[in-house]
Amino acid sequence: MAKKIKTKADEYKDVFIKLHKLQRLKGCDNLILLLTRYIRGKADYMANYINLVAERTGVCPTGYITTTNRDIMKPVVKEIVTIETGIEPLDKDIDKGWEAFIDDYRNHNIKY
């Protein structure tokens, strides 16, 4: 059987899942905590990274968020991908990644 080629949507789903696991397992319930754990080891630009994501998404860095909130997480992941790759992802790919993540979440397919 041929190995499935990972799509952009699959990559974005992985980001949603990683952030969700950080919240669920590590108690990261705001943007600062989530991104500090997510970009671990890149401390030299951590504050700028967090501020940029917060500014571009309108998400308060210290406000409570949940990783199953589509209105918060889709813009956050879009900005993470943009910062990490230098290329703004297509909304349709972010949407597909979100839907795949939320389907796995609802069907208890995320391994903790």
PDB file of N, CA and C in Angstrom:
ATOM      1  N   MET A   1       0.838  -1.178   0.000  1.00  0.00           N
ATOM      2  CA  MET A   1       0.000   0.000   0.000  1.00  0.00           C
ATOM      3  C   MET A   1       0.881   1.238   0.000  1.00  0.00           C
ATOM      4  N   ALA A   2       0.564   2.205  -0.831  1.00  0.00           N
ATOM      5  CA  ALA A   2       1.362   3.417  -0.974  1.00  0.00           C
ATOM      6  C   ALA A   2       1.193   4.313   0.247  1.00  0.00           C
ATOM      7  N   LYS A   3       2.275   4.982   0.602  1.00  0.00           N
ATOM      8  CA  LYS A   3       2.253   5.913   1.726  1.00  0.00           C
ATOM      9  C   LYS A   3       1.499   7.174   1.323  1.00  0.00           C
ATOM     10  N   LYS A   4       0.612   7.629   2.194  1.00  0.00           N
ATOM     11  CA  LYS A   4      -0.179   8.823   1.911  1.00  0.00           C
ATOM     12  C   LYS A   4       0.722  10.059   1.963  1.00  0.00           C
ATOM     13  N   ILE A   5       0.616  10.884   0.946  1.00  0.00           N
ATOM     14  CA  ILE A   5       1.370  12.130   0.907  1.00  0.00           C
ATOM     15  C   ILE A   5       0.655  13.136   1.800  1.00  0.00           C
ATOM     16  N   LYS A   6       1.414  13.767   2.697  1.00  0.00           N
ATOM     17  CA  LYS A   6       0.840  14.724   3.626  1.00  0.00           C
ATOM     18  C   LYS A   6       0.528  16.034   2.905  1.00  0.00           C
ATOM     19  N   THR A   7      -0.703  16.482   3.036  1.00  0.00           N
ATOM     20  CA  THR A   7      -1.135  17.735   2.424  1.00  0.00           C
ATOM     21  C   THR A   7      -0.886  18.889   3.390  1.00  0.00           C
ATOM     22  N   LYS A   8      -1.040  20.106   2.893  1.00  0.00           N
ATOM     23  CA  LYS A   8      -0.943  21.288   3.757  1.00  0.00           C
ATOM     24  C   LYS A   8      -2.002  21.210   4.859  1.00  0.00           C
ATOM     25  N   ALA A   9      -3.199  20.797   4.492  1.00  0.00           N
ATOM     26  CA  ALA A   9      -4.270  20.657   5.481  1.00  0.00           C
ATOM     27  C   ALA A   9      -3.868  19.676   6.585  1.00  0.00           C
ATOM     28  N   ASP A  10      -3.188  18.582   6.218  1.00  0.00           N
ATOM     29  CA  ASP A  10      -2.703  17.616   7.217  1.00  0.00           C
ATOM     30  C   ASP A  10      -1.681  18.273   8.143  1.00  0.00           C
ATOM     31  N   GLU A  11      -0.800  19.074   7.570  1.00  0.00           N
ATOM     32  CA  GLU A  11       0.210  19.774   8.375  1.00  0.00           C
ATOM     33  C   GLU A  11      -0.449  20.736   9.351  1.00  0.00           C
ATOM     34  N   TYR A  12      -1.468  21.444   8.889  1.00  0.00           N
ATOM     35  CA  TYR A  12      -2.148  22.406   9.757  1.00  0.00           C
ATOM     36  C   TYR A  12      -2.950  21.685  10.837  1.00  0.00           C
ATOM     37  N   LYS A  13      -3.533  20.551  10.488  1.00  0.00           N
ATOM     38  CA  LYS A  13      -4.227  19.730  11.487  1.00  0.00           C
ATOM     39  C   LYS A  13      -3.252  19.355  12.598  1.00  0.00           C
ATOM     40  N   ASP A  14      -2.026  19.007  12.218  1.00  0.00           N
ATOM     41  CA  ASP A  14      -1.011  18.646  13.214  1.00  0.00           C
ATOM     42  C   ASP A  14      -0.717  19.799  14.170  1.00  0.00           C
ATOM     43  N   VAL A  15      -0.730  21.032  13.661  1.00  0.00           N
ATOM     44  CA  VAL A  15      -0.509  22.200  14.521  1.00  0.00           C
ATOM     45  C   VAL A  15      -1.682  22.356  15.487  1.00  0.00           C
ATOM     46  N   PHE A  16      -2.906  22.231  14.981  1.00  0.00           N
ATOM     47  CA  PHE A  16      -4.079  22.298  15.866  1.00  0.00           C
ATOM     48  C   PHE A  16      -3.987  21.243  16.960  1.00  0.00           C
ATOM     49  N   ILE A  17      -3.609  20.031  16.587  1.00  0.00           N
ATOM     50  CA  ILE A  17      -3.507  18.942  17.566  1.00  0.00           C
ATOM     51  C   ILE A  17      -2.406  19.219  18.580  1.00  0.00           C
ATOM     52  N   LYS A  18      -1.268  19.686  18.128  1.00  0.00           N
ATOM     53  CA  LYS A  18      -0.167  19.969  19.056  1.00  0.00           C
ATOM     54  C   LYS A  18      -0.579  21.036  20.072  1.00  0.00           C
ATOM     55  N   LEU A  19      -1.209  22.104  19.601  1.00  0.00           N
ATOM     56  CA  LEU A  19      -1.668  23.152  20.516  1.00  0.00           C
ATOM     57  C   LEU A  19      -2.726  22.608  21.473  1.00  0.00           C
ATOM     58  N   HIS A  20      -3.630  21.779  20.964  1.00  0.00           N
ATOM     59  CA  HIS A  20      -4.665  21.179  21.810  1.00  0.00           C
ATOM     60  C   HIS A  20      -4.046  20.305  22.907  1.00  0.00           C
ATOM     61  N   LYS A  21      -3.068  19.510  22.538  1.00  0.00           N
ATOM     62  CA  LYS A  21      -2.401  18.661  23.531  1.00  0.00           C
ATOM     63  C   LYS A  21      -1.674  19.505  24.575  1.00  0.00           C
ATOM     64  N   LEU A  22      -1.074  20.597  24.146  1.00  0.00           N
ATOM     65  CA  LEU A  22      -0.403  21.479  25.110  1.00  0.00           C
ATOM     66  C   LEU A  22      -1.405  22.039  26.109  1.00  0.00           C
ATOM     67  N   GLN A  23      -2.579  22.375  25.620  1.00  0.00           N
ATOM     68  CA  GLN A  23      -3.586  22.881  26.542  1.00  0.00           C
ATOM     69  C   GLN A  23      -4.084  21.774  27.462  1.00  0.00           C
ATOM     70  N   ARG A  24      -4.403  20.649  26.884  1.00  0.00           N
ATOM     71  CA  ARG A  24      -4.987  19.551  27.650  1.00  0.00           C
ATOM     72  C   ARG A  24      -4.007  18.936  28.648  1.00  0.00           C
ATOM     73  N   LEU A  25      -2.762  18.733  28.220  1.00  0.00           N
ATOM     74  CA  LEU A  25      -1.795  18.029  29.062  1.00  0.00           C
ATOM     75  C   LEU A  25      -0.936  18.942  29.927  1.00  0.00           C
ATOM     76  N   LYS A  26      -0.729  20.168  29.470  1.00  0.00           N
ATOM     77  CA  LYS A  26       0.173  21.087  30.183  1.00  0.00           C
ATOM     78  C   LYS A  26      -0.548  22.289  30.785  1.00  0.00           C
ATOM     79  N   GLY A  27      -1.854  22.391  30.561  1.00  0.00           N
ATOM     80  CA  GLY A  27      -2.623  23.489  31.137  1.00  0.00           C
ATOM     81  C   GLY A  27      -2.368  24.843  30.490  1.00  0.00           C
ATOM     82  N   CYS A  28      -1.895  24.847  29.267  1.00  0.00           N
ATOM     83  CA  CYS A  28      -1.612  26.099  28.557  1.00  0.00           C
ATOM     84  C   CYS A  28      -2.926  26.677  28.057  1.00  0.00           C
ATOM     85  N   ASP A  29      -3.482  27.627  28.813  1.00  0.00           N
ATOM     86  CA  ASP A  29      -4.818  28.121  28.490  1.00  0.00           C
ATOM     87  C   ASP A  29      -4.851  29.589  28.055  1.00  0.00           C
ATOM     88  N   ASN A  30      -3.698  30.115  27.665  1.00  0.00           N
ATOM     89  CA  ASN A  30      -3.669  31.438  27.045  1.00  0.00           C
ATOM     90  C   ASN A  30      -2.574  31.451  25.979  1.00  0.00           C
ATOM     91  N   LEU A  31      -2.556  32.492  25.197  1.00  0.00           N
ATOM     92  CA  LEU A  31      -1.644  32.555  24.064  1.00  0.00           C
ATOM     93  C   LEU A  31      -0.180  32.508  24.504  1.00  0.00           C
ATOM     94  N   ILE A  32       0.150  33.201  25.568  1.00  0.00           N
ATOM     95  CA  ILE A  32       1.539  33.197  26.048  1.00  0.00           C
ATOM     96  C   ILE A  32       1.980  31.788  26.415  1.00  0.00           C
ATOM     97  N   LEU A  33       1.176  31.097  27.202  1.00  0.00           N
ATOM     98  CA  LEU A  33       1.545  29.746  27.627  1.00  0.00           C
ATOM     99  C   LEU A  33       1.606  28.775  26.451  1.00  0.00           C
ATOM    100  N   LEU A  34       0.607  28.843  25.569  1.00  0.00           N
ATOM    101  CA  LEU A  34       0.590  27.948  24.410  1.00  0.00           C
ATOM    102  C   LEU A  34       1.809  28.157  23.520  1.00  0.00           C
ATOM    103  N   LEU A  35       2.061  29.406  23.163  1.00  0.00           N
ATOM    104  CA  LEU A  35       3.153  29.666  22.222  1.00  0.00           C
ATOM    105  C   LEU A  35       4.522  29.491  22.862  1.00  0.00           C
ATOM    106  N   THR A  36       4.635  29.760  24.149  1.00  0.00           N
ATOM    107  CA  THR A  36       5.907  29.527  24.837  1.00  0.00           C
ATOM    108  C   THR A  36       6.284  28.053  24.755  1.00  0.00           C
ATOM    109  N   ARG A  37       5.312  27.186  24.966  1.00  0.00           N
ATOM    110  CA  ARG A  37       5.561  25.736  24.852  1.00  0.00           C
ATOM    111  C   ARG A  37       5.738  25.311  23.405  1.00  0.00           C
ATOM    112  N   TYR A  38       4.937  25.892  22.511  1.00  0.00           N
ATOM    113  CA  TYR A  38       4.978  25.506  21.103  1.00  0.00           C
ATOM    114  C   TYR A  38       6.321  25.846  20.468  1.00  0.00           C
ATOM    115  N   ILE A  39       6.872  27.007  20.760  1.00  0.00           N
ATOM    116  CA  ILE A  39       8.128  27.431  20.130  1.00  0.00           C
ATOM    117  C   ILE A  39       9.325  27.206  21.040  1.00  0.00           C
ATOM    118  N   ARG A  40       9.168  26.346  21.982  1.00  0.00           N
ATOM    119  CA  ARG A  40      10.220  25.997  22.942  1.00  0.00           C
ATOM    120  C   ARG A  40      11.582  25.890  22.265  1.00  0.00           C
ATOM    121  N   GLY A  41      12.575  26.469  22.909  1.00  0.00           N
ATOM    122  CA  GLY A  41      13.931  26.393  22.382  1.00  0.00           C
ATOM    123  C   GLY A  41      14.284  27.525  21.435  1.00  0.00           C
ATOM    124  N   LYS A  42      13.330  28.386  21.188  1.00  0.00           N
ATOM    125  CA  LYS A  42      13.585  29.528  20.304  1.00  0.00           C
ATOM    126  C   LYS A  42      13.379  30.815  21.099  1.00  0.00           C
ATOM    127  N   ALA A  43      13.921  30.858  22.308  1.00  0.00           N
ATOM    128  CA  ALA A  43      13.664  31.941  23.247  1.00  0.00           C
ATOM    129  C   ALA A  43      14.119  33.303  22.752  1.00  0.00           C
ATOM    130  N   ASP A  44      15.082  33.331  21.850  1.00  0.00           N
ATOM    131  CA  ASP A  44      15.605  34.612  21.403  1.00  0.00           C
ATOM    132  C   ASP A  44      14.555  35.475  20.714  1.00  0.00           C
ATOM    133  N   TYR A  45      13.530  34.889  20.154  1.00  0.00           N
ATOM    134  CA  TYR A  45      12.480  35.692  19.536  1.00  0.00           C
ATOM    135  C   TYR A  45      11.077  35.357  20.036  1.00  0.00           C
ATOM    136  N   MET A  46      11.001  34.694  21.169  1.00  0.00           N
ATOM    137  CA  MET A  46       9.723  34.250  21.709  1.00  0.00           C
ATOM    138  C   MET A  46       8.752  35.410  21.949  1.00  0.00           C
ATOM    139  N   ALA A  47       9.214  36.477  22.588  1.00  0.00           N
ATOM    140  CA  ALA A  47       8.328  37.606  22.894  1.00  0.00           C
ATOM    141  C   ALA A  47       7.803  38.245  21.607  1.00  0.00           C
ATOM    142  N   ASN A  48       8.680  38.409  20.629  1.00  0.00           N
ATOM    143  CA  ASN A  48       8.244  38.991  19.358  1.00  0.00           C
ATOM    144  C   ASN A  48       7.236  38.092  18.659  1.00  0.00           C
ATOM    145  N   TYR A  49       7.461  36.795  18.703  1.00  0.00           N
ATOM    146  CA  TYR A  49       6.574  35.801  18.084  1.00  0.00           C
ATOM    147  C   TYR A  49       5.177  35.908  18.702  1.00  0.00           C
ATOM    148  N   ILE A  50       5.125  35.886  20.027  1.00  0.00           N
ATOM    149  CA  ILE A  50       3.847  35.957  20.745  1.00  0.00           C
ATOM    150  C   ILE A  50       3.144  37.276  20.447  1.00  0.00           C
ATOM    151  N   ASN A  51       3.884  38.378  20.510  1.00  0.00           N
ATOM    152  CA  ASN A  51       3.287  39.688  20.249  1.00  0.00           C
ATOM    153  C   ASN A  51       2.754  39.794  18.821  1.00  0.00           C
ATOM    154  N   LEU A  52       3.483  39.238  17.876  1.00  0.00           N
ATOM    155  CA  LEU A  52       3.055  39.276  16.485  1.00  0.00           C
ATOM    156  C   LEU A  52       1.768  38.486  16.278  1.00  0.00           C
ATOM    157  N   VAL A  53       1.701  37.284  16.831  1.00  0.00           N
ATOM    158  CA  VAL A  53       0.485  36.472  16.717  1.00  0.00           C
ATOM    159  C   VAL A  53      -0.685  37.196  17.387  1.00  0.00           C
ATOM    160  N   ALA A  54      -0.451  37.741  18.569  1.00  0.00           N
ATOM    161  CA  ALA A  54      -1.518  38.453  19.290  1.00  0.00           C
ATOM    162  C   ALA A  54      -2.000  39.667  18.501  1.00  0.00           C
ATOM    163  N   GLU A  55      -1.074  40.433  17.983  1.00  0.00           N
ATOM    164  CA  GLU A  55      -1.429  41.639  17.234  1.00  0.00           C
ATOM    165  C   GLU A  55      -2.205  41.317  15.961  1.00  0.00           C
ATOM    166  N   ARG A  56      -1.738  40.325  15.227  1.00  0.00           N
ATOM    167  CA  ARG A  56      -2.371  39.986  13.939  1.00  0.00           C
ATOM    168  C   ARG A  56      -3.710  39.279  14.089  1.00  0.00           C
ATOM    169  N   THR A  57      -3.929  38.624  15.224  1.00  0.00           N
ATOM    170  CA  THR A  57      -5.179  37.879  15.413  1.00  0.00           C
ATOM    171  C   THR A  57      -6.170  38.602  16.312  1.00  0.00           C
ATOM    172  N   GLY A  58      -5.692  39.561  17.085  1.00  0.00           N
ATOM    173  CA  GLY A  58      -6.555  40.241  18.040  1.00  0.00           C
ATOM    174  C   GLY A  58      -6.810  39.437  19.297  1.00  0.00           C
ATOM    175  N   VAL A  59      -6.060  38.367  19.495  1.00  0.00           N
ATOM    176  CA  VAL A  59      -6.212  37.521  20.681  1.00  0.00           C
ATOM    177  C   VAL A  59      -5.358  38.094  21.805  1.00  0.00           C
ATOM    178  N   CYS A  60      -5.981  38.341  22.944  1.00  0.00           N
ATOM    179  CA  CYS A  60      -5.259  38.858  24.111  1.00  0.00           C
ATOM    180  C   CYS A  60      -4.269  37.789  24.579  1.00  0.00           C
ATOM    181  N   PRO A  61      -2.983  38.147  24.712  1.00  0.00           N
ATOM    182  CA  PRO A  61      -1.976  37.147  25.088  1.00  0.00           C
ATOM    183  C   PRO A  61      -2.218  36.475  26.435  1.00  0.00           C
ATOM    184  N   THR A  62      -2.890  37.178  27.359  1.00  0.00           N
ATOM    185  CA  THR A  62      -3.112  36.621  28.694  1.00  0.00           C
ATOM    186  C   THR A  62      -4.552  36.171  28.924  1.00  0.00           C
ATOM    187  N   GLY A  63      -5.405  36.341  27.929  1.00  0.00           N
ATOM    188  CA  GLY A  63      -6.808  35.948  28.076  1.00  0.00           C
ATOM    189  C   GLY A  63      -6.991  34.446  27.920  1.00  0.00           C
ATOM    190  N   TYR A  64      -7.960  33.907  28.643  1.00  0.00           N
ATOM    191  CA  TYR A  64      -8.253  32.474  28.571  1.00  0.00           C
ATOM    192  C   TYR A  64      -8.737  32.113  27.173  1.00  0.00           C
ATOM    193  N   ILE A  65      -8.192  31.041  26.626  1.00  0.00           N
ATOM    194  CA  ILE A  65      -8.672  30.509  25.350  1.00  0.00           C
ATOM    195  C   ILE A  65      -8.790  28.995  25.459  1.00  0.00           C
ATOM    196  N   THR A  66      -9.605  28.460  24.586  1.00  0.00           N
ATOM    197  CA  THR A  66      -9.707  27.011  24.484  1.00  0.00           C
ATOM    198  C   THR A  66      -9.375  26.618  23.052  1.00  0.00           C
ATOM    199  N   THR A  67      -8.669  25.538  22.906  1.00  0.00           N
ATOM    200  CA  THR A  67      -8.193  25.126  21.585  1.00  0.00           C
ATOM    201  C   THR A  67      -9.286  24.536  20.711  1.00  0.00           C
ATOM    202  N   THR A  68     -10.489  24.406  21.231  1.00  0.00           N
ATOM    203  CA  THR A  68     -11.601  23.935  20.407  1.00  0.00           C
ATOM    204  C   THR A  68     -12.497  25.093  19.967  1.00  0.00           C
ATOM    205  N   ASN A  69     -12.034  26.315  20.157  1.00  0.00           N
ATOM    206  CA  ASN A  69     -12.755  27.505  19.719  1.00  0.00           C
ATOM    207  C   ASN A  69     -12.249  27.896  18.333  1.00  0.00           C
ATOM    208  N   ARG A  70     -13.047  27.604  17.332  1.00  0.00           N
ATOM    209  CA  ARG A  70     -12.679  27.850  15.934  1.00  0.00           C
ATOM    210  C   ARG A  70     -12.315  29.308  15.679  1.00  0.00           C
ATOM    211  N   ASP A  71     -13.087  30.238  16.250  1.00  0.00           N
ATOM    212  CA  ASP A  71     -12.875  31.658  15.979  1.00  0.00           C
ATOM    213  C   ASP A  71     -11.532  32.166  16.498  1.00  0.00           C
ATOM    214  N   ILE A  72     -10.994  31.523  17.490  1.00  0.00           N
ATOM    215  CA  ILE A  72      -9.678  31.878  18.032  1.00  0.00           C
ATOM    216  C   ILE A  72      -8.580  31.091  17.321  1.00  0.00           C
ATOM    217  N   MET A  73      -8.759  29.794  17.218  1.00  0.00           N
ATOM    218  CA  MET A  73      -7.657  28.932  16.796  1.00  0.00           C
ATOM    219  C   MET A  73      -7.324  28.991  15.311  1.00  0.00           C
ATOM    220  N   LYS A  74      -8.310  29.180  14.456  1.00  0.00           N
ATOM    221  CA  LYS A  74      -7.985  29.253  13.029  1.00  0.00           C
ATOM    222  C   LYS A  74      -7.070  30.446  12.723  1.00  0.00           C
ATOM    223  N   PRO A  75      -7.371  31.646  13.217  1.00  0.00           N
ATOM    224  CA  PRO A  75      -6.438  32.756  12.970  1.00  0.00           C
ATOM    225  C   PRO A  75      -5.076  32.550  13.632  1.00  0.00           C
ATOM    226  N   VAL A  76      -5.074  31.955  14.823  1.00  0.00           N
ATOM    227  CA  VAL A  76      -3.806  31.710  15.516  1.00  0.00           C
ATOM    228  C   VAL A  76      -2.928  30.760  14.703  1.00  0.00           C
ATOM    229  N   VAL A  77      -3.488  29.656  14.255  1.00  0.00           N
ATOM    230  CA  VAL A  77      -2.710  28.691  13.475  1.00  0.00           C
ATOM    231  C   VAL A  77      -2.273  29.308  12.144  1.00  0.00           C
ATOM    232  N   LYS A  78      -3.129  30.082  11.534  1.00  0.00           N
ATOM    233  CA  LYS A  78      -2.767  30.748  10.285  1.00  0.00           C
ATOM    234  C   LYS A  78      -1.548  31.650  10.495  1.00  0.00           C
ATOM    235  N   GLU A  79      -1.512  32.384  11.592  1.00  0.00           N
ATOM    236  CA  GLU A  79      -0.366  33.253  11.876  1.00  0.00           C
ATOM    237  C   GLU A  79       0.883  32.455  12.236  1.00  0.00           C
ATOM    238  N   ILE A  80       0.712  31.372  12.970  1.00  0.00           N
ATOM    239  CA  ILE A  80       1.854  30.509  13.288  1.00  0.00           C
ATOM    240  C   ILE A  80       2.485  30.003  11.993  1.00  0.00           C
ATOM    241  N   VAL A  81       1.662  29.510  11.097  1.00  0.00           N
ATOM    242  CA  VAL A  81       2.177  28.985   9.818  1.00  0.00           C
ATOM    243  C   VAL A  81       2.845  30.096   9.016  1.00  0.00           C
ATOM    244  N   THR A  82       2.241  31.267   8.988  1.00  0.00           N
ATOM    245  CA  THR A  82       2.814  32.391   8.259  1.00  0.00           C
ATOM    246  C   THR A  82       4.183  32.767   8.816  1.00  0.00           C
ATOM    247  N   ILE A  83       4.287  32.833  10.126  1.00  0.00           N
ATOM    248  CA  ILE A  83       5.568  33.170  10.761  1.00  0.00           C
ATOM    249  C   ILE A  83       6.595  32.084  10.504  1.00  0.00           C
ATOM    250  N   GLU A  84       6.196  30.840  10.640  1.00  0.00           N
ATOM    251  CA  GLU A  84       7.132  29.721  10.500  1.00  0.00           C
ATOM    252  C   GLU A  84       7.624  29.524   9.063  1.00  0.00           C
ATOM    253  N   THR A  85       6.743  29.772   8.091  1.00  0.00           N
ATOM    254  CA  THR A  85       7.099  29.483   6.695  1.00  0.00           C
ATOM    255  C   THR A  85       7.365  30.730   5.864  1.00  0.00           C
ATOM    256  N   GLY A  86       6.890  31.870   6.337  1.00  0.00           N
ATOM    257  CA  GLY A  86       7.016  33.100   5.553  1.00  0.00           C
ATOM    258  C   GLY A  86       5.978  33.197   4.449  1.00  0.00           C
ATOM    259  N   ILE A  87       5.061  32.246   4.402  1.00  0.00           N
ATOM    260  CA  ILE A  87       4.020  32.218   3.374  1.00  0.00           C
ATOM    261  C   ILE A  87       2.667  32.085   4.067  1.00  0.00           C
ATOM    262  N   GLU A  88       1.744  32.975   3.701  1.00  0.00           N
ATOM    263  CA  GLU A  88       0.415  32.900   4.288  1.00  0.00           C
ATOM    264  C   GLU A  88      -0.325  31.700   3.716  1.00  0.00           C
ATOM    265  N   PRO A  89      -0.816  30.815   4.580  1.00  0.00           N
ATOM    266  CA  PRO A  89      -1.531  29.625   4.085  1.00  0.00           C
ATOM    267  C   PRO A  89      -2.891  29.995   3.501  1.00  0.00           C
ATOM    268  N   LEU A  90      -3.368  29.161   2.619  1.00  0.00           N
ATOM    269  CA  LEU A  90      -4.696  29.356   2.046  1.00  0.00           C
ATOM    270  C   LEU A  90      -5.762  29.066   3.094  1.00  0.00           C
ATOM    271  N   ASP A  91      -6.782  29.903   3.120  1.00  0.00           N
ATOM    272  CA  ASP A  91      -7.877  29.700   4.071  1.00  0.00           C
ATOM    273  C   ASP A  91      -8.514  28.323   3.915  1.00  0.00           C
ATOM    274  N   LYS A  92      -8.640  27.850   2.679  1.00  0.00           N
ATOM    275  CA  LYS A  92      -9.277  26.539   2.462  1.00  0.00           C
ATOM    276  C   LYS A  92      -8.461  25.428   3.118  1.00  0.00           C
ATOM    277  N   ASP A  93      -7.126  25.548   3.131  1.00  0.00           N
ATOM    278  CA  ASP A  93      -6.294  24.534   3.776  1.00  0.00           C
ATOM    279  C   ASP A  93      -6.383  24.619   5.298  1.00  0.00           C
ATOM    280  N   ILE A  94      -6.430  25.846   5.824  1.00  0.00           N
ATOM    281  CA  ILE A  94      -6.623  26.023   7.267  1.00  0.00           C
ATOM    282  C   ILE A  94      -7.983  25.440   7.662  1.00  0.00           C
ATOM    283  N   ASP A  95      -9.013  25.727   6.855  1.00  0.00           N
ATOM    284  CA  ASP A  95     -10.355  25.196   7.139  1.00  0.00           C
ATOM    285  C   ASP A  95     -10.364  23.670   7.135  1.00  0.00           C
ATOM    286  N   LYS A  96      -9.723  23.061   6.150  1.00  0.00           N
ATOM    287  CA  LYS A  96      -9.664  21.600   6.076  1.00  0.00           C
ATOM    288  C   LYS A  96      -8.900  21.019   7.269  1.00  0.00           C
ATOM    289  N   GLY A  97      -7.808  21.667   7.637  1.00  0.00           N
ATOM    290  CA  GLY A  97      -7.037  21.224   8.802  1.00  0.00           C
ATOM    291  C   GLY A  97      -7.860  21.307  10.070  1.00  0.00           C
ATOM    292  N   TRP A  98      -8.602  22.411  10.218  1.00  0.00           N
ATOM    293  CA  TRP A  98      -9.471  22.585  11.382  1.00  0.00           C
ATOM    294  C   TRP A  98     -10.542  21.493  11.422  1.00  0.00           C
ATOM    295  N   GLU A  99     -11.219  21.282  10.298  1.00  0.00           N
ATOM    296  CA  GLU A  99     -12.287  20.284  10.255  1.00  0.00           C
ATOM    297  C   GLU A  99     -11.753  18.884  10.578  1.00  0.00           C
ATOM    298  N   ALA A 100     -10.581  18.560  10.066  1.00  0.00           N
ATOM    299  CA  ALA A 100      -9.987  17.249  10.357  1.00  0.00           C
ATOM    300  C   ALA A 100      -9.654  17.128  11.841  1.00  0.00           C
ATOM    301  N   PHE A 101      -9.106  18.201  12.424  1.00  0.00           N
ATOM    302  CA  PHE A 101      -8.793  18.211  13.856  1.00  0.00           C
ATOM    303  C   PHE A 101     -10.064  18.049  14.687  1.00  0.00           C
ATOM    304  N   ILE A 102     -11.073  18.857  14.383  1.00  0.00           N
ATOM    305  CA  ILE A 102     -12.276  18.844  15.205  1.00  0.00           C
ATOM    306  C   ILE A 102     -13.029  17.517  15.050  1.00  0.00           C
ATOM    307  N   ASP A 103     -12.965  16.900  13.866  1.00  0.00           N
ATOM    308  CA  ASP A 103     -13.553  15.572  13.690  1.00  0.00           C
ATOM    309  C   ASP A 103     -12.843  14.553  14.583  1.00  0.00           C
ATOM    310  N   ASP A 104     -11.515  14.594  14.580  1.00  0.00           N
ATOM    311  CA  ASP A 104     -10.755  13.687  15.447  1.00  0.00           C
ATOM    312  C   ASP A 104     -11.074  13.956  16.916  1.00  0.00           C
ATOM    313  N   TYR A 105     -11.187  15.219  17.289  1.00  0.00           N
ATOM    314  CA  TYR A 105     -11.506  15.587  18.671  1.00  0.00           C
ATOM    315  C   TYR A 105     -12.883  15.028  19.067  1.00  0.00           C
ATOM    316  N   ARG A 106     -13.860  15.269  18.230  1.00  0.00           N
ATOM    317  CA  ARG A 106     -15.229  14.819  18.538  1.00  0.00           C
ATOM    318  C   ARG A 106     -15.348  13.298  18.571  1.00  0.00           C
ATOM    319  N   ASN A 107     -14.548  12.629  17.761  1.00  0.00           N
ATOM    320  CA  ASN A 107     -14.601  11.168  17.700  1.00  0.00           C
ATOM    321  C   ASN A 107     -13.574  10.495  18.613  1.00  0.00           C
ATOM    322  N   HIS A 108     -12.949  11.279  19.473  1.00  0.00           N
ATOM    323  CA  HIS A 108     -11.974  10.764  20.452  1.00  0.00           C
ATOM    324  C   HIS A 108     -10.817  10.041  19.787  1.00  0.00           C
ATOM    325  N   ASN A 109     -10.350  10.588  18.660  1.00  0.00           N
ATOM    326  CA  ASN A 109      -9.237   9.966  17.937  1.00  0.00           C
ATOM    327  C   ASN A 109      -7.890  10.620  18.206  1.00  0.00           C
ATOM    328  N   ILE A 110      -7.835  11.553  19.123  1.00  0.00           N
ATOM    329  CA  ILE A 110      -6.571  12.195  19.467  1.00  0.00           C
ATOM    330  C   ILE A 110      -5.969  11.429  20.639  1.00  0.00           C
ATOM    331  N   LYS A 111      -4.745  10.969  20.441  1.00  0.00           N
ATOM    332  CA  LYS A 111      -4.053  10.195  21.475  1.00  0.00           C
ATOM    333  C   LYS A 111      -3.305  11.148  22.402  1.00  0.00           C
ATOM    334  N   TYR A 112      -3.581  11.037  23.702  1.00  0.00           N
ATOM    335  CA  TYR A 112      -2.945  11.921  24.691  1.00  0.00           C
ATOM    336  C   TYR A 112      -1.842  11.211  25.418  1.00  0.00           C
TER     337      TYR A 112
END
